[in-house]
C-alpha atoms as a PDB file:
ATOM      1  CA  ILE A   1     -34.367  45.011 -10.812  1.00  0.00           C
ATOM      2  CA  GLN A   2     -35.575  44.649  -7.399  1.00  0.00           C
ATOM      3  CA  LEU A   3     -39.777  44.070  -7.460  1.00  0.00           C
ATOM      4  CA  ASP A   4     -41.906  45.249  -4.379  1.00  0.00           C
ATOM      5  CA  LEU A   5     -43.930  42.096  -4.580  1.00  0.00           C
ATOM      6  CA  ALA A   6     -45.918  42.862  -1.360  1.00  0.00           C
ATOM      7  CA  SER A   7     -47.489  45.733  -3.218  1.00  0.00           C
ATOM      8  CA  GLU A   8     -49.069  43.428  -5.737  1.00  0.00           C
ATOM      9  CA  ILE A   9     -53.036  42.433  -6.012  1.00  0.00           C
ATOM     10  CA  SER A  10     -53.695  39.046  -5.704  1.00  0.00           C
ATOM     11  CA  ARG A  11     -54.764  37.325  -8.895  1.00  0.00           C
ATOM     12  CA  ASN A  12     -56.704  34.970  -6.963  1.00  0.00           C
ATOM     13  CA  THR A  13     -58.545  37.292  -4.857  1.00  0.00           C
ATOM     14  CA  GLY A  14     -58.428  40.482  -6.505  1.00  0.00           C
ATOM     15  CA  THR A  15     -57.727  42.273  -3.061  1.00  0.00           C
ATOM     16  CA  ALA A  16     -54.555  43.929  -2.089  1.00  0.00           C
ATOM     17  CA  LYS A  17     -52.127  41.771  -0.470  1.00  0.00           C
ATOM     18  CA  ALA A  18     -50.883  43.554   3.331  1.00  0.00           C
ATOM     19  CA  ARG A  19     -48.322  45.884   2.658  1.00  0.00           C
ATOM     20  CA  VAL A  20     -44.878  45.248   4.146  1.00  0.00           C
ATOM     21  CA  PRO A  21     -42.445  48.043   4.281  1.00  0.00           C
ATOM     22  CA  VAL A  22     -39.316  47.617   1.793  1.00  0.00           C
ATOM     23  CA  VAL A  23     -35.987  47.824   3.235  1.00  0.00           C
ATOM     24  CA  TYR A  24     -32.773  48.344   1.494  1.00  0.00           C
ATOM     25  CA  ALA A  25     -29.467  47.944   3.226  1.00  0.00           C
ATOM     26  CA  VAL A  26     -26.836  50.115   1.158  1.00  0.00           C
ATOM     27  CA  HIS A  27     -23.084  50.659   1.447  1.00  0.00           C
ATOM     28  CA  LYS A  28     -23.041  54.464   1.094  1.00  0.00           C
ATOM     29  CA  LEU A  29     -19.911  55.909  -0.759  1.00  0.00           C
ATOM     30  CA  PRO A  30     -18.134  58.726   0.424  1.00  0.00           C
ATOM     31  CA  GLY A  31     -18.647  62.317  -1.542  1.00  0.00           C
ATOM     32  CA  GLU A  32     -22.416  61.638  -2.161  1.00  0.00           C
ATOM     33  CA  VAL A  33     -25.419  62.944  -0.887  1.00  0.00           C
ATOM     34  CA  VAL A  34     -28.311  60.461   0.322  1.00  0.00           C
ATOM     35  CA  THR A  35     -31.238  62.561  -0.634  1.00  0.00           C
ATOM     36  CA  GLU A  36     -32.649  62.629  -4.289  1.00  0.00           C
ATOM     37  CA  ASN A  37     -32.687  66.218  -4.819  1.00  0.00           C
ATOM     38  CA  ASP A  38     -29.650  68.469  -4.156  1.00  0.00           C
ATOM     39  CA  PRO A  39     -29.595  72.461  -4.750  1.00  0.00           C
ATOM     40  CA  GLN A  40     -25.803  72.160  -5.495  1.00  0.00           C
ATOM     41  CA  ASN A  41     -26.491  69.201  -7.636  1.00  0.00           C
ATOM     42  CA  ARG A  42     -24.003  66.883  -5.846  1.00  0.00           C
ATOM     43  CA  PRO A  43     -23.986  62.943  -6.409  1.00  0.00           C
ATOM     44  CA  SER A  44     -26.901  61.468  -4.883  1.00  0.00           C
ATOM     45  CA  MET A  45     -27.158  58.013  -3.733  1.00  0.00           C
ATOM     46  CA  ILE A  46     -30.699  57.797  -4.203  1.00  0.00           C
ATOM     47  CA  LYS A  47     -30.412  58.884  -7.758  1.00  0.00           C
ATOM     48  CA  ARG A  48     -27.941  56.181  -8.263  1.00  0.00           C
ATOM     49  CA  LEU A  49     -29.764  53.416  -7.213  1.00  0.00           C
ATOM     50  CA  MET A  50     -32.913  54.392  -8.748  1.00  0.00           C
ATOM     51  CA  GLN A  51     -31.019  54.461 -12.092  1.00  0.00           C
ATOM     52  CA  GLY A  52     -29.779  51.059 -11.337  1.00  0.00           C
ATOM     53  CA  GLY A  53     -33.147  49.885 -10.769  1.00  0.00           C
ATOM     54  CA  VAL A  54     -33.673  49.713  -7.149  1.00  0.00           C
ATOM     55  CA  GLY A  55     -37.139  50.229  -6.061  1.00  0.00           C
ATOM     56  CA  MET A  56     -38.983  49.135  -8.955  1.00  0.00           C
ATOM     57  CA  ARG A  57     -42.409  47.469  -8.263  1.00  0.00           C
ATOM     58  CA  ARG A  58     -44.988  46.053 -10.305  1.00  0.00           C
ATOM     59  CA  VAL A  59     -48.417  48.018 -10.735  1.00  0.00           C
ATOM     60  CA  GLY A  60     -50.421  45.721 -12.799  1.00  0.00           C
ATOM     61  CA  THR A  61     -48.659  44.909 -15.744  1.00  0.00           C
ATOM     62  CA  LYS A  62     -46.238  47.947 -15.330  1.00  0.00           C
ATOM     63  CA  LEU A  63     -43.256  48.694 -13.779  1.00  0.00           C
ATOM     64  CA  GLN A  64     -43.259  51.856 -11.541  1.00  0.00           C
ATOM     65  CA  GLN A  65     -40.543  53.567  -9.272  1.00  0.00           C
ATOM     66  CA  MET A  66     -41.428  53.369  -5.716  1.00  0.00           C
ATOM     67  CA  HIS A  67     -40.483  56.456  -3.439  1.00  0.00           C
ATOM     68  CA  LEU A  68     -37.233  55.796  -1.643  1.00  0.00           C
ATOM     69  CA  LYS A  69     -36.651  57.414   1.637  1.00  0.00           C
ATOM     70  CA  PRO A  70     -33.048  57.251   3.495  1.00  0.00           C
ATOM     71  CA  ILE A  71     -33.235  56.224   7.125  1.00  0.00           C
ATOM     72  CA  GLY A  72     -30.821  58.134   9.373  1.00  0.00           C
ATOM     73  CA  ARG A  73     -28.997  60.432   6.895  1.00  0.00           C
ATOM     74  CA  LEU A  74     -25.106  60.331   6.771  1.00  0.00           C
ATOM     75  CA  ASP A  75     -23.344  63.326   5.678  1.00  0.00           C
ATOM     76  CA  ILE A  76     -21.005  63.840   2.486  1.00  0.00           C
ATOM     77  CA  PRO A  77     -17.867  62.521   3.905  1.00  0.00           C
ATOM     78  CA  THR A  78     -19.130  59.580   5.778  1.00  0.00           C
ATOM     79  CA  GLU A  79     -19.465  56.070   4.254  1.00  0.00           C
ATOM     80  CA  GLY A  80     -21.119  52.671   5.356  1.00  0.00           C
ATOM     81  CA  LEU A  81     -24.550  51.506   6.077  1.00  0.00           C
ATOM     82  CA  CYS A  82     -27.339  53.559   4.888  1.00  0.00           C
ATOM     83  CA  LEU A  83     -30.999  52.057   5.354  1.00  0.00           C
ATOM     84  CA  VAL A  84     -33.431  53.102   2.527  1.00  0.00           C
ATOM     85  CA  THR A  85     -37.471  52.470   2.825  1.00  0.00           C
ATOM     86  CA  ASN A  86     -40.546  52.976   1.012  1.00  0.00           C
ATOM     87  CA  ASP A  87     -42.241  53.555   4.174  1.00  0.00           C
ATOM     88  CA  GLY A  88     -41.862  56.842   5.996  1.00  0.00           C
ATOM     89  CA  GLU A  89     -43.482  55.761   8.919  1.00  0.00           C
ATOM     90  CA  PHE A  90     -40.772  52.891   9.693  1.00  0.00           C
ATOM     91  CA  ALA A  91     -38.285  55.418   8.905  1.00  0.00           C
ATOM     92  CA  ARG A  92     -39.585  58.021  11.518  1.00  0.00           C
ATOM     93  CA  GLU A  93     -39.763  55.307  14.116  1.00  0.00           C
ATOM     94  CA  MET A  94     -36.022  54.372  13.270  1.00  0.00           C
ATOM     95  CA  GLU A  95     -34.743  57.571  13.753  1.00  0.00           C
ATOM     96  CA  LEU A  96     -36.851  58.821  16.550  1.00  0.00           C
ATOM     97  CA  PRO A  97     -34.036  59.386  19.552  1.00  0.00           C
ATOM     98  CA  GLU A  98     -36.773  57.878  21.963  1.00  0.00           C
ATOM     99  CA  ASN A  99     -36.616  54.704  20.586  1.00  0.00           C
ATOM    100  CA  GLN A 100     -32.881  54.613  21.452  1.00  0.00           C
ATOM    101  CA  VAL A 101     -32.207  52.590  18.180  1.00  0.00           C
ATOM    102  CA  HIS A 102     -28.340  51.957  18.260  1.00  0.00           C
ATOM    103  CA  ARG A 103     -26.242  53.345  15.673  1.00  0.00           C
ATOM    104  CA  VAL A 104     -22.521  51.802  15.559  1.00  0.00           C
ATOM    105  CA  TYR A 105     -19.765  53.483  13.508  1.00  0.00           C
ATOM    106  CA  ARG A 106     -15.906  53.072  13.311  1.00  0.00           C
ATOM    107  CA  ALA A 107     -14.109  56.245  13.240  1.00  0.00           C
ATOM    108  CA  ARG A 108     -10.504  56.824  12.415  1.00  0.00           C
ATOM    109  CA  VAL A 109      -9.345  59.759  14.552  1.00  0.00           C
ATOM    110  CA  HIS A 110      -6.472  62.126  14.407  1.00  0.00           C
ATOM    111  CA  GLY A 111      -5.000  63.798  18.076  1.00  0.00           C
ATOM    112  CA  ARG A 112      -4.415  62.826  21.714  1.00  0.00           C
ATOM    113  CA  LEU A 113      -7.015  60.753  23.372  1.00  0.00           C
ATOM    114  CA  THR A 114      -6.709  60.522  27.148  1.00  0.00           C
ATOM    115  CA  SER A 115      -9.009  58.834  29.580  1.00  0.00           C
ATOM    116  CA  ALA A 116     -10.722  61.590  30.620  1.00  0.00           C
ATOM    117  CA  LYS A 117     -11.727  62.571  27.127  1.00  0.00           C
ATOM    118  CA  LEU A 118     -13.438  58.958  26.312  1.00  0.00           C
ATOM    119  CA  ASN A 119     -15.019  58.992  29.640  1.00  0.00           C
ATOM    120  CA  ARG A 120     -16.477  62.503  28.589  1.00  0.00           C
ATOM    121  CA  ILE A 121     -17.919  61.041  25.262  1.00  0.00           C
ATOM    122  CA  ARG A 122     -19.366  58.072  27.603  1.00  0.00           C
ATOM    123  CA  SER A 123     -21.167  60.236  30.200  1.00  0.00           C
ATOM    124  CA  GLY A 124     -22.360  62.697  27.693  1.00  0.00           C
ATOM    125  CA  GLY A 125     -22.815  66.511  27.948  1.00  0.00           C
ATOM    126  CA  VAL A 126     -20.195  67.436  25.023  1.00  0.00           C
ATOM    127  CA  ARG A 127     -20.956  70.584  23.873  1.00  0.00           C
ATOM    128  CA  PHE A 128     -20.173  72.004  20.371  1.00  0.00           C
ATOM    129  CA  ASN A 129     -21.715  74.979  18.759  1.00  0.00           C
ATOM    130  CA  ASP A 130     -24.319  75.162  21.652  1.00  0.00           C
ATOM    131  CA  VAL A 131     -25.294  71.562  20.751  1.00  0.00           C
ATOM    132  CA  ARG A 132     -25.243  69.288  23.663  1.00  0.00           C
ATOM    133  CA  TYR A 133     -24.637  65.612  22.900  1.00  0.00           C
ATOM    134  CA  GLY A 134     -25.921  62.564  24.995  1.00  0.00           C
ATOM    135  CA  PRO A 135     -23.652  59.703  26.336  1.00  0.00           C
ATOM    136  CA  MET A 136     -22.277  57.267  23.718  1.00  0.00           C
ATOM    137  CA  LYS A 137     -20.236  54.035  23.667  1.00  0.00           C
ATOM    138  CA  VAL A 138     -16.718  54.583  22.784  1.00  0.00           C
ATOM    139  CA  ALA A 139     -14.123  51.829  22.622  1.00  0.00           C
ATOM    140  CA  VAL A 140     -10.491  52.290  21.023  1.00  0.00           C
ATOM    141  CA  GLU A 141      -9.893  49.410  18.657  1.00  0.00           C
ATOM    142  CA  LYS A 142      -5.911  49.360  18.816  1.00  0.00           C
ATOM    143  CA  THR A 143      -3.991  50.583  21.840  1.00  0.00           C
ATOM    144  CA  ARG A 144      -0.586  51.866  21.990  1.00  0.00           C
ATOM    145  CA  ARG A 145       0.690  52.229  25.843  1.00  0.00           C
ATOM    146  CA  SER A 146       2.438  55.748  26.424  1.00  0.00           C
ATOM    147  CA  LYS A 147       4.714  56.614  29.309  1.00  0.00           C
ATOM    148  CA  GLN A 148       2.693  59.431  30.363  1.00  0.00           C
ATOM    149  CA  ARG A 149       0.120  57.975  33.226  1.00  0.00           C
ATOM    150  CA  ASP A 150      -3.137  59.538  31.756  1.00  0.00           C
ATOM    151  CA  SER A 151      -2.562  59.280  28.093  1.00  0.00           C
ATOM    152  CA  LEU A 152      -3.340  56.612  25.560  1.00  0.00           C
ATOM    153  CA  TYR A 153      -1.049  58.396  22.961  1.00  0.00           C
ATOM    154  CA  SER A 154       2.078  60.385  23.563  1.00  0.00           C
ATOM    155  CA  SER A 155       1.404  62.404  20.226  1.00  0.00           C
ATOM    156  CA  PRO A 156      -1.005  63.023  17.775  1.00  0.00           C
ATOM    157  CA  THR A 157      -1.547  60.122  15.891  1.00  0.00           C
ATOM    158  CA  ASN A 158      -4.310  57.930  13.928  1.00  0.00           C
ATOM    159  CA  THR A 159      -6.196  55.262  15.429  1.00  0.00           C
ATOM    160  CA  TRP A 160      -9.623  53.534  15.199  1.00  0.00           C
ATOM    161  CA  VAL A 161     -12.370  53.803  17.778  1.00  0.00           C
ATOM    162  CA  GLN A 162     -15.792  52.405  17.667  1.00  0.00           C
ATOM    163  CA  ILE A 163     -18.620  54.479  18.924  1.00  0.00           C
ATOM    164  CA  THR A 164     -22.523  53.633  19.501  1.00  0.00           C
ATOM    165  CA  SER A 165     -24.974  56.343  19.548  1.00  0.00           C
ATOM    166  CA  THR A 166     -28.720  56.520  19.907  1.00  0.00           C
ATOM    167  CA  GLU A 167     -29.535  60.155  18.953  1.00  0.00           C
ATOM    168  CA  GLY A 168     -28.311  60.563  15.406  1.00  0.00           C
ATOM    169  CA  LYS A 169     -27.886  64.231  15.280  1.00  0.00           C
ATOM    170  CA  ASN A 170     -26.079  66.084  12.321  1.00  0.00           C
ATOM    171  CA  ARG A 171     -22.435  65.391  12.368  1.00  0.00           C
ATOM    172  CA  GLN A 172     -22.754  64.453  15.908  1.00  0.00           C
ATOM    173  CA  ILE A 173     -19.466  62.081  15.958  1.00  0.00           C
ATOM    174  CA  ARG A 174     -17.364  64.518  14.125  1.00  0.00           C
ATOM    175  CA  ASN A 175     -18.539  67.397  16.205  1.00  0.00           C
ATOM    176  CA  VAL A 176     -18.195  65.394  19.635  1.00  0.00           C
ATOM    177  CA  PHE A 177     -14.386  64.838  18.716  1.00  0.00           C
ATOM    178  CA  GLU A 178     -13.796  67.799  17.262  1.00  0.00           C
ATOM    179  CA  ALA A 179     -14.956  69.549  20.805  1.00  0.00           C
ATOM    180  CA  LEU A 180     -12.265  67.524  22.664  1.00  0.00           C
ATOM    181  CA  GLY A 181      -9.429  68.701  20.093  1.00  0.00           C
ATOM    182  CA  VAL A 182      -9.663  65.379  18.183  1.00  0.00           C
ATOM    183  CA  THR A 183     -10.195  65.165  14.625  1.00  0.00           C
ATOM    184  CA  VAL A 184     -12.340  62.478  12.732  1.00  0.00           C
ATOM    185  CA  THR A 185     -10.635  61.528   9.357  1.00  0.00           C
ATOM    186  CA  ARG A 186     -12.539  58.661   8.491  1.00  0.00           C
ATOM    187  CA  LEU A 187     -16.154  57.831   9.431  1.00  0.00           C
ATOM    188  CA  ILE A 188     -17.957  54.309   8.607  1.00  0.00           C
ATOM    189  CA  ARG A 189     -21.395  53.519   9.912  1.00  0.00           C
ATOM    190  CA  ILE A 190     -21.284  49.734  10.438  1.00  0.00           C
ATOM    191  CA  SER A 191     -24.776  49.095  11.789  1.00  0.00           C
ATOM    192  CA  TYR A 192     -28.303  50.376  12.598  1.00  0.00           C
ATOM    193  CA  GLY A 193     -30.568  48.762  14.841  1.00  0.00           C
ATOM    194  CA  ASP A 194     -30.379  45.032  13.997  1.00  0.00           C
ATOM    195  CA  TYR A 195     -29.401  45.793  10.095  1.00  0.00           C
ATOM    196  CA  THR A 196     -25.616  45.240   9.723  1.00  0.00           C
ATOM    197  CA  LEU A 197     -23.225  46.233   6.620  1.00  0.00           C
ATOM    198  CA  GLN A 198     -21.320  43.101   6.908  1.00  0.00           C
ATOM    199  CA  THR A 199     -19.614  42.365   3.297  1.00  0.00           C
ATOM    200  CA  ILE A 200     -21.784  44.560   1.166  1.00  0.00           C
ATOM    201  CA  PRO A 201     -19.568  46.252  -1.250  1.00  0.00           C
ATOM    202  CA  PRO A 202     -19.265  49.767  -1.395  1.00  0.00           C
ATOM    203  CA  GLY A 203     -22.246  51.369  -3.513  1.00  0.00           C
ATOM    204  CA  ILE A 204     -24.241  48.143  -3.744  1.00  0.00           C
ATOM    205  CA  ALA A 205     -27.716  47.788  -2.466  1.00  0.00           C
ATOM    206  CA  ILE A 206     -29.454  44.769  -1.134  1.00  0.00           C
ATOM    207  CA  PRO A 207     -33.004  43.977   0.009  1.00  0.00           C
ATOM    208  CA  VAL A 208     -33.475  42.956   3.664  1.00  0.00           C
ATOM    209  CA  PRO A 209     -36.265  41.575   5.828  1.00  0.00           C
ATOM    210  CA  TYR A 210     -38.253  44.310   7.318  1.00  0.00           C
ATOM    211  CA  LYS A 211     -38.152  43.997  10.978  1.00  0.00           C
ATOM    212  CA  PRO A 212     -40.484  46.457  13.195  1.00  0.00           C
ATOM    213  CA  VAL A 213     -38.419  48.803  15.521  1.00  0.00           C
ATOM    214  CA  LYS A 214     -39.883  47.264  18.687  1.00  0.00           C
ATOM    215  CA  GLN A 215     -38.926  43.726  17.804  1.00  0.00           C
ATOM    216  CA  GLN A 216     -35.134  44.935  17.253  1.00  0.00           C
ATOM    217  CA  LYS A 217     -32.558  44.174  19.952  1.00  0.00           C
ATOM    218  CA  ALA A 218     -29.905  46.644  18.837  1.00  0.00           C
ATOM    219  CA  ARG A 219     -31.833  49.266  21.105  1.00  0.00           C
ATOM    220  CA  GLY A 220     -32.178  50.974  24.417  1.00  0.00           C
ATOM    221  CA  ALA A 221     -30.055  53.145  26.805  1.00  0.00           C
ATOM    222  CA  LEU A 222     -26.544  52.878  26.535  1.00  0.00           C
ATOM    223  CA  LEU A 223     -24.758  51.761  29.931  1.00  0.00           C
ATOM    224  CA  GLN A 224     -21.089  52.204  30.010  1.00  0.00           C
ATOM    225  CA  LYS A 225     -18.617  52.196  33.087  1.00  0.00           C
ATOM    226  CA  PRO A 226     -15.936  55.204  32.918  1.00  0.00           C
ATOM    227  CA  ALA A 227     -12.381  53.470  31.900  1.00  0.00           C
ATOM    228  CA  GLN A 228     -10.992  54.187  35.656  1.00  0.00           C
ATOM    229  CA  GLN A 229     -13.836  52.072  37.324  1.00  0.00           C
ATOM    230  CA  ARG A 230     -13.370  48.920  34.939  1.00  0.00           C
ATOM    231  CA  LYS A 231     -11.092  45.942  35.785  1.00  0.00           C
ATOM    232  CA  GLY A 232      -8.569  44.546  33.446  1.00  0.00           C
ATOM    233  CA  LYS A 233      -7.742  46.076  30.126  1.00  0.00           C
ATOM    234  CA  SER A 234      -8.200  49.788  30.234  1.00  0.00           C
ATOM    235  CA  PHE A 235      -9.537  52.118  27.338  1.00  0.00           C
END
C-alpha cells in the first residue's frame, strides 16, 4: 500500500505539512480505459490501481483512498507510460499545449513511408477529420533501403518509429499516420516530460518524485530540420 505521507498532520506541532502532489508512473495495459468511471463498463486502469492499494493515504488513524487523476489520457489500444496524480492543477499544467511538455512514443506502423510523408509530420499541418495537427519530431528506428529513390520501403511493411509531440490531442499519432496512408499497429508511450517508462513492468504503478512543470527539461518547441536538409544518414 502506498501512503501519502505528505498529507499527514505533524504530531509535534499539530499543523498540516505542506502538501506535495503525489505522482505515480504507471505502465498502462492495452485494452483498458484510464478513467475510473466508464459508461460501457470496460476495464479501468484507475479502478485496477485502487483495488491494488495505490493511492491510499493516512488521515488521522484511518487509511483513505485519495482521488487519482490520469495525466494525458491514452486511448484503449495504447500502452505504456501513464502518469497519475492526486493534484488536478499539476495534471492541468502537464497537459496544457502552451507548456509544450514532450510526449514521446514508439509506434509500429504498417505502410509505405517516404521522406515527403515524414517531413509533413515534422512540419505540421496534417489534417484528419477537420482537425489540424502541429509539428512532431519523428525518426525511423530501423531502416531498409529501397531501390526507389524517394521511398524508405518498396512495399507495405512493419517498422518502428519514434515520435515526439507537445499537443496530446485525442488519437493524434494514429490520425496523423492514417491521414498519410499509414496504419499504426502498436503504440507505446515511453516518456512524458521528465518522467520515463524505463523498466516498469506492464500493469505496475510506482511512486515517483513530484517535479513542477517549469523545472522539467523535456519541454519546449520541437525543432527538427526536414530530412533532405540533413547531412549523413537520411530518414
